[in-house]
Each structure stands twice: as C-alpha cells, then as structure tokens.
C-alpha cells in the first residue's frame, strides 16, 4: 500500500476503531470499566513487540498536560531527537494523535499499523480471550507504541487521556513521569476531593522513576476556605483552596515515597522560563515551560538528553500550540482555545485582557458533564458579546437552551457593566460565517471544548483554500 493509495485501507482501519467502545463519545463515562483491561493491554503490547522501545515520558494533570507534551516534544526534536508523541483528542484527523518528528503520522502508516493490530489481536485473543473487548482508546495506545517502535523513535511522549492510574497509557514503562497540575475535573470518575483526584493522577508514578511535579505552582495565590465560603454556591465545589491543594500534594508525596520515586517539585517560575513563554498566550504557559525545563534537566541528569537550557528556551520561544491560545486569523482576530474546565477558562480570561480589540466576542459550547457554570462565570465578564452554539455530531454536546439557562444564572450575579449581550444559535456553521464578517479590529474567541475549536479551525481552513 503506497501513501498515494491508502484511502480504502485507511477507512477500513478507522472502522476497526469505530466498532469499539469509544469512551470519548459517552455522556456518562463508566470509569471503573476502563481499568479492567489494563494488565491484559500491557500483555498485548508485549505480544506486538511494542513494549518500551525508547526512553519514555508519561504526562498527567488536570490542565497543561497537552501543552507540556507539545513543548517537551519540540525541545527534544530541536536537539535532533526523533520523537513519537501520543496525545488526545485530535483537532482535524485521527493521525494527529500519533505524531512523528513533530508531524502527524502519514495516513498510510496509521492504516498499516491498525490493520496489523487487528490481525494480531485475533491471534492474541485465541491465546488469551478477554471478557471485555479492548476500547478504541486502548487500541490507539497499542497502535502508538507499535508505530513508534517501527519508526525507531529516540523518545516517546505519552499524554494520559483520563486520570492516570487506570488510563490505557499507564501500560508504559516510563523513564520520567510529569504531573502538571491538580484541579477539579471528571469528579464523577476521579473523585470528589483533590486528594482522591491526586491518587488517580499519581497512579502513573512508577517504582524508582523520577517524577517532575508542577502541582504546587501558584499555591500561595489560592483562596482560603473562608474565601471559598463567600463565593456563590455553584462555585464552591470547583474552587481549589490552598488547603485542598496541600492535601493533594501530600497524596503525591506519599505515593512517590512508597514507590521510592525521586520527586522534583517546582514551586516557582524562573525569569528565563517566563520570557520564553512570552510568545504563548496565557500566564499558565509559563508554568508549563518551567515544567518542561525541569523535565529536560532530569532527562539530562539520567544521561538521556544531551541538550542544554538555552537551546530549549530558543525552541520554546518559537512554539505554536494548536487550539491553546492560538490565533489563527487576523483582521478580525480568531482565537482558538480548548479550555474545558473552570481553571482553564479563568486562565484564558486573564490572557484575553491584554489583547487589544475594539470588541470581543465569545463563541462558546460545551459537552455534558463539564462545569459550564464555572466556565461561564470566568469568561462572561471579559467579553462584549456572547454566542452560545452547539458542537455538531457529538452525542455529548449540550444544547443551546441548556447553555442559555446556565448563562442566565450567571448574569444577575455580575456587575451591570460586566454583563455581555448573549444570543443562542444552534447552527455552528451559521455562527462561523457570521464571525468572518466582524470588523477588522474585533476579536472572537472559540472555547469551551477542543471539539468547538477544531470545528472553527476546520471551517477557516476550508474558507482559505
């Protein structure tokens, strides 16, 4: 099969995944079921000959794990290492999840890998039948490891999908683990408290494997329990207090100590890291850059990385992070951001402030199970106009009536001067066409979900062809 004639095999390969359980499309994710196959998936990866083929970095965290993975990959690649990067979700095409040397793998390569897995899975299941079939994400992880093995990459970077302890990526044998941050997300799956969520994220920690943690960054700026009690009721559950975060940090320290895993905790951002992050939109990127620098230093200490700090800083300075504060159009400016938690929405709101624009419009949509009230609380006061819309094709999408009802709960709590005009339009394509007609001095931000950011980016690409 040539790269020029891969379409039939590519379609067949994707059908192989689509026929499997896809937790990303579920309204209610049965989290405990996700871990049933973990040991068996690890044995399947070994059966494929894909187990630990190169130095591996495993990344988990409430927010920042995708940006950290992308920045780390760019630093390694800038030094001449061939990288294999597995992330999720994708923006436009599935092969984006399997990046080789900084670019999505070729469709033909992905098709060949998935079809080989389909064939080998039949062989494996004859020897070891399982009660629960592998999910599409589990098979994607196996495909990533096999693809990276075949391509002979020098480094593998794996971003967790959900949590960490029973995530499919946790079959890896990492040389370094990274925990980027800790906050409230997926509480129905990960736990109601930060301590419980920390136990799930910290589940990626392995015996004797170093762990770089950025969880404590900004601890001194967090509210107290008294501050939390003064907030509107719907915000209390998602507000991270200093005390709660200390409990989460304590859990991570305990796990690391029990596994004799060296723990490198970052408590501040150094000036050169902040300067390198200046080209990236959002204060949170400074944290991610500091985490990457600490990770590279640890890889260098282990003799796995030969670069230096200045080279890494130069690589970071020129980085572009898709759908993470990414400006994809000017005059009017279109900004794509995949923020889907209250904390990430707050970080985006802070980043929007310094961006000069005569008028700022928010196009917002979200999936079921997300903290819509928290996100809208953070975002609404920073925009002049808000358009609530729907993500096409997703069974988890929230309708505009639901979003409008949530926004209506927020508006009376805001100062009158901070209440934007709000409209609801289910037809996303109509919204996108309207946003093309804004005045050149205006800015529109698409956020609330990576799927919304992806839809906006895809529309713009088609318009510019």
Protein backbone atom coordinates (compact mmCIF):
# COMPACT_ATOMS: atom_id res chain seq x y z
CA UNK A 1 0.00 0.00 0.00
CA UNK A 2 1.52 3.32 -1.05
CA UNK A 3 0.92 6.64 0.68
CA UNK A 4 -0.82 7.79 -2.52
CA UNK A 5 -3.30 4.89 -2.43
CA UNK A 6 -4.15 4.46 1.24
CA UNK A 7 -7.78 5.61 1.36
CA UNK A 8 -9.61 2.22 1.29
CA UNK A 9 -7.25 0.75 3.90
CA UNK A 10 -7.41 3.95 5.96
CA UNK A 11 -11.22 3.85 6.04
CA UNK A 12 -11.17 0.17 6.96
CA UNK A 13 -8.62 0.79 9.71
CA UNK A 14 -10.69 3.58 11.26
CA UNK A 15 -13.78 1.38 11.12
CA UNK A 16 -11.83 -1.15 13.18
CA UNK A 17 -11.54 1.51 15.90
CA UNK A 18 -15.03 2.91 15.44
CA UNK A 19 -16.53 -0.52 16.04
CA UNK A 20 -15.01 -0.49 19.52
CA UNK A 21 -16.28 1.25 22.65
CA UNK A 22 -15.35 4.94 22.47
CA UNK A 23 -15.38 6.50 25.93
CA UNK A 24 -14.79 9.95 24.45
CA UNK A 25 -18.28 9.91 22.94
CA UNK A 26 -20.08 8.69 26.06
CA UNK A 27 -22.27 11.10 28.02
CA UNK A 28 -21.57 9.15 31.22
CA UNK A 29 -18.11 7.58 31.28
CA UNK A 30 -18.02 4.24 33.17
CA UNK A 31 -14.61 4.96 34.66
CA UNK A 32 -14.11 1.74 36.61
CA UNK A 33 -14.69 -0.31 33.46
CA UNK A 34 -11.77 1.47 31.80
CA UNK A 35 -9.24 -0.27 34.03
CA UNK A 36 -10.44 -3.82 33.52
CA UNK A 37 -8.14 -4.43 30.57
CA UNK A 38 -5.02 -2.66 31.78
CA UNK A 39 -2.90 -5.73 32.58
CA UNK A 40 -4.19 -7.53 29.50
CA UNK A 41 -3.43 -4.49 27.31
CA UNK A 42 0.13 -4.47 28.64
CA UNK A 43 0.48 -8.12 27.67
CA UNK A 44 -0.95 -7.36 24.23
CA UNK A 45 1.64 -4.59 23.72
CA UNK A 46 4.35 -7.11 24.61
CA UNK A 47 2.76 -9.62 22.22
CA UNK A 48 3.06 -6.97 19.49
CA UNK A 49 6.70 -6.40 20.39
CA UNK A 50 5.95 -2.78 21.21
CA UNK A 51 6.90 -2.63 24.89
CA UNK A 52 9.39 0.09 25.95
CA UNK A 53 11.25 0.63 22.72
CA UNK A 54 12.70 4.07 23.60
CA UNK A 55 13.06 6.44 26.58
CA UNK A 56 9.51 7.37 27.55
CA UNK A 57 7.95 10.35 29.30
CA UNK A 58 4.44 9.92 30.74
CA UNK A 59 2.39 13.06 31.46
CA UNK A 60 -0.77 13.51 33.55
CA UNK A 61 -2.50 16.52 35.07
CA UNK A 62 -5.77 18.41 35.24
CA UNK A 63 -4.62 21.07 32.81
CA UNK A 64 -1.45 21.81 30.90
CA UNK A 65 -0.55 18.22 30.04
CA UNK A 66 -1.15 18.71 26.32
CA UNK A 67 0.83 21.96 26.13
CA UNK A 68 3.63 20.43 28.21
CA UNK A 69 3.77 17.40 25.92
CA UNK A 70 3.96 19.59 22.80
CA UNK A 71 6.62 21.88 24.25
CA UNK A 72 8.72 18.97 25.50
CA UNK A 73 8.49 17.28 22.12
CA UNK A 74 9.63 20.44 20.36
CA UNK A 75 12.64 20.79 22.66
CA UNK A 76 13.70 17.19 22.11
CA UNK A 77 13.21 17.48 18.36
CA UNK A 78 15.18 20.73 18.18
CA UNK A 79 18.15 18.84 19.59
CA UNK A 80 17.91 16.27 16.78
CA UNK A 81 15.99 13.51 18.51
CA UNK A 82 13.29 11.72 16.54
CA UNK A 83 10.16 11.86 18.62
CA UNK A 84 6.93 9.90 18.90
CA UNK A 85 4.13 11.85 20.58
CA UNK A 86 0.74 10.41 21.53
CA UNK A 87 -1.96 12.93 22.53
CA UNK A 88 -5.74 13.20 22.55
CA UNK A 89 -8.14 14.35 21.33
CA UNK A 90 -7.24 15.29 17.77
CA UNK A 91 -8.38 18.50 16.07
CA UNK A 92 -8.87 17.55 12.43
CA UNK A 93 -7.71 14.00 11.64
CA UNK A 94 -7.13 10.96 13.79
CA UNK A 95 -3.49 10.60 12.81
CA UNK A 96 -2.71 13.84 14.70
CA UNK A 97 -2.76 11.69 17.83
CA UNK A 98 0.30 9.84 16.54
CA UNK A 99 2.93 12.49 15.79
CA UNK A 100 6.32 11.52 14.39
CA UNK A 101 9.03 14.15 14.35
CA UNK A 102 6.50 16.86 15.15
CA UNK A 103 4.07 15.98 12.36
CA UNK A 104 1.00 13.74 12.25
CA UNK A 105 1.93 10.28 11.04
CA UNK A 106 1.10 9.51 7.42
CA UNK A 107 -2.42 8.12 6.94
CA UNK A 108 -1.00 5.07 5.22
CA UNK A 109 1.34 4.35 8.13
CA UNK A 110 -1.51 4.60 10.61
CA UNK A 111 -3.70 2.36 8.45
CA UNK A 112 -1.00 -0.30 8.16
CA UNK A 113 -0.40 -0.22 11.91
CA UNK A 114 -4.07 -0.50 12.82
CA UNK A 115 -4.69 -3.31 10.34
CA UNK A 116 -1.69 -5.19 11.71
CA UNK A 117 -3.11 -4.76 15.20
CA UNK A 118 -6.47 -6.08 14.01
CA UNK A 119 -4.80 -9.20 12.64
CA UNK A 120 -2.53 -9.71 15.65
CA UNK A 121 -5.43 -9.12 18.04
CA UNK A 122 -7.23 -12.10 16.56
CA UNK A 123 -4.14 -14.21 17.24
CA UNK A 124 -3.77 -12.82 20.77
CA UNK A 125 -7.40 -13.43 21.69
CA UNK A 126 -7.11 -17.09 20.72
CA UNK A 127 -4.38 -17.42 23.35
CA UNK A 128 -5.88 -15.03 25.87
CA UNK A 129 -9.59 -14.33 25.41
CA UNK A 130 -10.95 -11.46 27.47
CA UNK A 131 -14.35 -10.75 28.95
CA UNK A 132 -14.21 -7.07 27.97
CA UNK A 133 -13.13 -6.13 24.42
CA UNK A 134 -10.42 -3.51 24.11
CA UNK A 135 -11.78 0.02 23.63
CA UNK A 136 -10.83 2.30 20.74
CA UNK A 137 -8.55 4.33 23.05
CA UNK A 138 -6.81 1.22 24.37
CA UNK A 139 -6.12 0.03 20.84
CA UNK A 140 -4.92 3.50 19.89
CA UNK A 141 -2.36 3.36 22.68
CA UNK A 142 -1.19 -0.03 21.43
CA UNK A 143 -1.03 1.38 17.89
CA UNK A 144 1.05 4.34 19.07
CA UNK A 145 3.58 2.10 20.81
CA UNK A 146 3.82 -0.22 17.81
CA UNK A 147 4.12 2.65 15.33
CA UNK A 148 6.82 4.35 17.38
CA UNK A 149 8.71 1.05 17.65
CA UNK A 150 8.59 0.51 13.88
CA UNK A 151 9.69 4.09 13.21
CA UNK A 152 12.66 3.77 15.56
CA UNK A 153 11.98 6.96 17.52
CA UNK A 154 14.50 8.20 20.07
CA UNK A 155 11.88 9.44 22.57
CA UNK A 156 8.26 8.59 23.29
CA UNK A 157 5.94 11.08 24.98
CA UNK A 158 2.54 9.85 26.16
CA UNK A 159 -0.26 12.13 27.36
CA UNK A 160 -2.86 10.45 29.56
CA UNK A 161 -6.47 10.51 28.42
CA UNK A 162 -8.44 10.45 31.69
CA UNK A 163 -6.93 10.35 35.17
CA UNK A 164 -3.81 8.22 35.11
CA UNK A 165 -3.96 5.18 37.36
CA UNK A 166 -6.21 3.11 35.08
CA UNK A 167 -5.67 5.09 31.87
CA UNK A 168 -4.55 2.94 28.95
CA UNK A 169 -1.32 4.92 28.60
CA UNK A 170 -0.33 3.62 32.03
CA UNK A 171 0.84 0.36 30.47
CA UNK A 172 4.09 2.15 29.59
CA UNK A 173 7.37 1.77 31.45
CA UNK A 174 8.42 5.43 31.68
CA UNK A 175 11.83 6.87 32.31
CA UNK A 176 10.23 10.07 33.63
CA UNK A 177 6.76 10.98 34.86
CA UNK A 178 5.30 14.50 34.84
CA UNK A 179 2.35 15.83 36.84
CA UNK A 180 1.40 19.25 35.53
CA UNK A 181 -1.41 20.44 37.80
CA UNK A 182 -4.25 19.38 40.04
CA UNK A 183 -7.81 20.66 40.00
CA UNK A 184 -11.43 19.59 39.96
CA UNK A 185 -12.42 17.70 36.80
CA UNK A 186 -14.28 14.50 35.96
CA UNK A 187 -15.27 14.24 39.62
CA UNK A 188 -17.85 11.54 38.90
CA UNK A 189 -14.94 9.39 37.69
CA UNK A 190 -11.86 10.58 39.61
CA UNK A 191 -13.30 11.52 42.99
CA UNK A 192 -14.92 14.41 44.83
CA UNK A 193 -11.81 15.70 46.62
CA UNK A 194 -8.41 16.83 45.39
CA UNK A 195 -6.86 14.07 47.47
CA UNK A 196 -8.90 11.46 45.59
CA UNK A 197 -8.13 13.08 42.22
CA UNK A 198 -4.43 13.23 43.15
CA UNK A 199 -4.46 9.50 43.87
CA UNK A 200 -5.77 8.84 40.34
CA UNK A 201 -3.30 11.22 38.66
CA UNK A 202 -0.45 9.99 40.83
CA UNK A 203 -1.21 6.46 39.72
CA UNK A 204 1.24 6.96 36.86
CA UNK A 205 4.15 7.10 39.33
CA UNK A 206 6.36 4.02 38.99
CA UNK A 207 8.91 2.49 41.39
CA UNK A 208 12.25 4.33 41.27
CA UNK A 209 11.18 6.50 38.30
CA UNK A 210 11.69 10.28 38.78
CA UNK A 211 8.60 12.49 38.89
CA UNK A 212 8.53 16.18 37.98
CA UNK A 213 5.57 17.91 39.62
CA UNK A 214 4.23 21.39 38.93
CA UNK A 215 1.21 20.87 41.16
CA UNK A 216 2.41 23.33 43.80
CA UNK A 217 2.95 26.23 41.40
CA UNK A 218 0.80 29.17 42.47
CA UNK A 219 -0.17 27.59 45.79
CA UNK A 220 0.41 30.86 47.61
CA UNK A 221 -2.20 32.63 45.47
CA UNK A 222 -5.06 30.23 46.14
CA UNK A 223 -8.06 31.23 48.26
CA UNK A 224 -8.62 30.03 51.81
CA UNK A 225 -11.64 28.07 52.99
CA UNK A 226 -13.08 31.35 54.29
CA UNK A 227 -12.73 32.91 50.83
CA UNK A 228 -14.36 29.85 49.29
CA UNK A 229 -17.32 30.02 51.65
CA UNK A 230 -18.07 33.57 50.49
CA UNK A 231 -18.47 32.51 46.84
CA UNK A 232 -21.81 31.74 45.17
CA UNK A 233 -22.83 28.16 45.90
CA UNK A 234 -22.25 26.84 42.38
CA UNK A 235 -18.60 27.94 42.51
CA UNK A 236 -17.63 26.38 45.81
CA UNK A 237 -17.33 22.83 44.54
CA UNK A 238 -14.90 23.78 41.75
CA UNK A 239 -12.79 26.26 43.76
CA UNK A 240 -9.36 24.93 44.64
CA UNK A 241 -8.26 26.20 48.04
CA UNK A 242 -4.72 26.22 49.38
CA UNK A 243 -5.66 23.65 52.00
CA UNK A 244 -7.23 21.26 49.50
CA UNK A 245 -4.23 21.51 47.18
CA UNK A 246 -1.85 20.81 50.07
CA UNK A 247 -3.81 17.61 50.73
CA UNK A 248 -3.42 16.66 47.07
CA UNK A 249 0.31 17.39 47.18
CA UNK A 250 0.54 15.25 50.29
CA UNK A 251 -1.00 12.33 48.41
CA UNK A 252 1.53 12.67 45.60
CA UNK A 253 4.41 12.82 48.08
CA UNK A 254 3.13 9.70 49.83
CA UNK A 255 2.81 7.74 46.56
CA UNK A 256 6.30 8.81 45.47
CA UNK A 257 7.80 7.88 48.84
CA UNK A 258 6.10 4.47 48.86
CA UNK A 259 7.49 3.75 45.40
CA UNK A 260 10.90 5.24 46.13
CA UNK A 261 10.40 7.57 43.17
CA UNK A 262 12.51 10.75 43.27
CA UNK A 263 10.08 13.71 43.38
CA UNK A 264 11.17 17.01 41.82
CA UNK A 265 8.68 19.65 42.94
CA UNK A 266 8.56 23.03 41.20
CA UNK A 267 7.42 25.94 43.33
CA UNK A 268 8.25 28.97 41.15
CA UNK A 269 8.74 30.08 37.55
CA UNK A 270 12.22 31.34 36.75
CA UNK A 271 12.66 34.56 34.73
CA UNK A 272 14.08 32.87 31.63
CA UNK A 273 11.15 30.45 31.55
CA UNK A 274 8.68 33.32 31.79
CA UNK A 275 10.49 35.16 28.99
CA UNK A 276 10.47 32.09 26.72
CA UNK A 277 6.72 31.77 27.29
CA UNK A 278 6.07 35.38 26.29
CA UNK A 279 5.12 34.35 22.75
CA UNK A 280 2.47 31.97 24.07
CA UNK A 281 -0.90 33.33 25.09
CA UNK A 282 -1.75 32.88 28.77
CA UNK A 283 0.03 33.02 32.12
CA UNK A 284 -0.44 29.26 32.54
CA UNK A 285 2.08 28.63 29.75
CA UNK A 286 4.83 29.97 31.99
CA UNK A 287 4.11 27.11 34.36
CA UNK A 288 4.25 24.61 31.52
CA UNK A 289 7.56 25.98 30.26
CA UNK A 290 9.07 25.70 33.76
CA UNK A 291 7.86 22.11 33.99
CA UNK A 292 9.43 21.29 30.61
CA UNK A 293 12.77 22.78 31.64
CA UNK A 294 12.75 20.74 34.84
CA UNK A 295 11.88 17.60 32.87
CA UNK A 296 14.74 18.17 30.43
CA UNK A 297 17.15 18.72 33.31
CA UNK A 298 16.07 15.40 34.81
CA UNK A 299 16.45 13.61 31.47
CA UNK A 300 19.92 15.15 31.14
CA UNK A 301 20.83 14.02 34.66
CA UNK A 302 19.83 10.47 33.68
CA UNK A 303 22.03 10.67 30.58
CA UNK A 304 19.06 10.53 28.20
CA UNK A 305 19.21 14.11 26.88
CA UNK A 306 22.27 15.96 25.67
CA UNK A 307 20.86 19.44 25.11
CA UNK A 308 21.19 22.49 27.28
CA UNK A 309 18.78 25.01 28.80
CA UNK A 310 19.45 27.80 26.31
CA UNK A 311 18.71 25.56 23.34
CA UNK A 312 15.47 24.51 24.97
CA UNK A 313 14.48 28.11 25.64
CA UNK A 314 15.06 29.01 22.00
CA UNK A 315 12.92 26.08 20.84
CA UNK A 316 10.11 27.08 23.19
CA UNK A 317 10.23 30.72 22.09
CA UNK A 318 9.16 29.74 18.59
CA UNK A 319 6.49 27.22 19.57
CA UNK A 320 2.91 27.25 18.30
CA UNK A 321 0.38 25.27 20.35
CA UNK A 322 -2.72 24.26 18.35
CA UNK A 323 -6.02 25.33 19.99
CA UNK A 324 -4.23 26.55 23.10
CA UNK A 325 -4.50 30.30 22.92
CA UNK A 326 -3.82 30.03 19.19
CA UNK A 327 -4.59 32.99 16.94
CA UNK A 328 -5.39 31.51 13.53
CA UNK A 329 -6.64 34.62 11.75
CA UNK A 330 -6.15 38.38 11.85
CA UNK A 331 -8.48 41.25 10.97
CA UNK A 332 -10.70 40.14 12.64
CA UNK A 333 -8.69 38.02 15.04
CA UNK A 334 -9.85 34.44 15.63
CA UNK A 335 -8.53 32.81 18.79
CA UNK A 336 -8.96 29.07 19.38
CA UNK A 337 -8.66 27.60 22.86
CA UNK A 338 -9.71 24.17 24.07
CA UNK A 339 -10.44 25.32 27.65
CA UNK A 340 -12.98 22.93 29.16
CA UNK A 341 -12.58 23.41 32.91
CA UNK A 342 -13.20 26.39 35.14
CA UNK A 343 -9.46 26.79 35.84
CA UNK A 344 -8.55 26.74 32.15
CA UNK A 345 -11.36 29.20 31.38
CA UNK A 346 -10.03 31.51 34.09
CA UNK A 347 -6.54 31.29 32.58
CA UNK A 348 -7.97 32.14 29.16
CA UNK A 349 -9.91 35.08 30.57
CA UNK A 350 -6.71 36.50 32.05
CA UNK A 351 -4.96 36.06 28.70
CA UNK A 352 -7.75 37.81 26.78
CA UNK A 353 -7.42 41.01 28.82
CA UNK A 354 -4.17 42.35 27.31
CA UNK A 355 -5.22 41.57 23.74
CA UNK A 356 -6.25 44.81 22.11
CA UNK A 357 -9.58 44.70 20.27
CA UNK A 358 -12.39 47.15 19.68
CA UNK A 359 -14.93 44.46 20.60
CA UNK A 360 -14.55 40.95 21.98
CA UNK A 361 -16.96 38.15 21.11
CA UNK A 362 -17.10 34.76 22.81
CA UNK A 363 -18.37 31.75 20.87
CA UNK A 364 -18.99 29.07 23.47
CA UNK A 365 -20.13 25.46 23.51
CA UNK A 366 -19.50 22.57 25.86
CA UNK A 367 -20.03 18.89 26.43
CA UNK A 368 -22.21 17.25 29.05
CA UNK A 369 -20.50 16.72 32.39
CA UNK A 370 -18.41 19.87 32.19
CA UNK A 371 -18.53 22.73 34.71
CA UNK A 372 -20.44 25.09 32.44
CA UNK A 373 -21.45 27.45 35.23
CA UNK A 374 -17.85 27.76 36.39
CA UNK A 375 -16.53 28.36 32.89
CA UNK A 376 -19.16 30.99 32.08
CA UNK A 377 -18.55 32.72 35.42
CA UNK A 378 -14.91 33.17 34.48
CA UNK A 379 -15.47 34.11 30.84
CA UNK A 380 -18.59 36.27 30.56
CA UNK A 381 -17.28 39.47 32.21
CA UNK A 382 -14.40 39.65 29.73
CA UNK A 383 -16.48 39.79 26.54
CA UNK A 384 -18.81 42.33 24.96
CA UNK A 385 -20.94 39.74 23.20
CA UNK A 386 -21.50 36.01 23.63
CA UNK A 387 -22.81 33.46 21.12
CA UNK A 388 -23.87 30.09 22.53
CA UNK A 389 -23.82 27.29 19.98
CA UNK A 390 -23.61 23.50 19.63
CA UNK A 391 -20.86 21.10 18.64
CA UNK A 392 -22.15 19.16 15.61
CA UNK A 393 -22.03 15.40 15.63
CA UNK A 394 -21.21 14.87 19.28
CA UNK A 395 -23.67 12.86 21.38
CA UNK A 396 -22.26 14.63 24.44
CA UNK A 397 -22.99 18.15 23.20
CA UNK A 398 -25.09 20.46 25.32
CA UNK A 399 -27.95 22.22 23.56
CA UNK A 400 -28.10 25.98 23.30
CA UNK A 401 -31.20 26.14 25.51
CA UNK A 402 -29.28 24.45 28.32
CA UNK A 403 -26.28 26.75 27.83
CA UNK A 404 -28.53 29.81 27.76
CA UNK A 405 -30.19 28.75 31.02
CA UNK A 406 -26.76 28.43 32.63
CA UNK A 407 -25.70 31.86 31.36
CA UNK A 408 -28.95 33.33 32.70
CA UNK A 409 -27.98 32.10 36.17
CA UNK A 410 -24.65 33.94 35.94
CA UNK A 411 -25.70 37.34 34.56
CA UNK A 412 -27.57 38.69 37.62
CA UNK A 413 -24.50 37.96 39.77
CA UNK A 414 -22.23 40.14 37.62
CA UNK A 415 -21.88 43.93 37.86
CA UNK A 416 -24.15 45.53 35.28
CA UNK A 417 -21.18 46.87 33.30
CA UNK A 418 -19.78 43.32 33.01
CA UNK A 419 -22.91 41.72 31.54
CA UNK A 420 -22.41 40.91 27.86
CA UNK A 421 -25.18 40.56 25.33
CA UNK A 422 -25.98 36.87 24.81
CA UNK A 423 -27.57 35.06 21.88
CA UNK A 424 -28.05 31.37 21.15
CA UNK A 425 -27.65 29.83 17.70
CA UNK A 426 -27.57 26.02 17.34
CA UNK A 427 -26.25 26.26 13.76
CA UNK A 428 -22.48 26.44 14.24
CA UNK A 429 -21.81 26.91 10.53
CA UNK A 430 -24.03 30.00 10.51
CA UNK A 431 -22.15 31.33 13.52
CA UNK A 432 -18.80 30.79 11.82
CA UNK A 433 -19.91 32.57 8.66
CA UNK A 434 -21.12 35.48 10.78
CA UNK A 435 -17.79 35.70 12.60
CA UNK A 436 -15.98 36.15 9.28
CA UNK A 437 -17.87 39.42 8.86
CA UNK A 438 -16.72 41.09 12.06
CA UNK A 439 -14.85 44.38 11.81
CA UNK A 440 -11.07 44.03 11.33
CA UNK A 441 -10.39 45.47 14.80
CA UNK A 442 -12.56 42.88 16.58
CA UNK A 443 -11.62 39.59 18.25
CA UNK A 444 -13.62 36.38 18.52
CA UNK A 445 -12.66 33.56 20.86
CA UNK A 446 -13.91 30.00 20.32
CA UNK A 447 -13.73 27.98 23.52
CA UNK A 448 -15.46 25.57 25.89
CA UNK A 449 -14.28 22.42 24.11
CA UNK A 450 -11.47 21.21 21.86
CA UNK A 451 -14.19 19.99 19.51
CA UNK A 452 -15.51 23.52 19.04
CA UNK A 453 -12.00 24.87 18.47
CA UNK A 454 -11.41 22.10 15.93
CA UNK A 455 -14.65 22.87 14.08
CA UNK A 456 -13.73 26.56 13.86
CA UNK A 457 -10.24 25.75 12.63
CA UNK A 458 -11.52 23.33 10.01
CA UNK A 459 -14.05 25.88 8.75
CA UNK A 460 -11.37 28.53 8.43
CA UNK A 461 -9.07 26.17 6.52
CA UNK A 462 -11.83 25.44 4.01
CA UNK A 463 -12.58 29.14 3.60
CA UNK A 464 -8.94 29.94 2.88
CA UNK A 465 -8.38 27.16 0.32
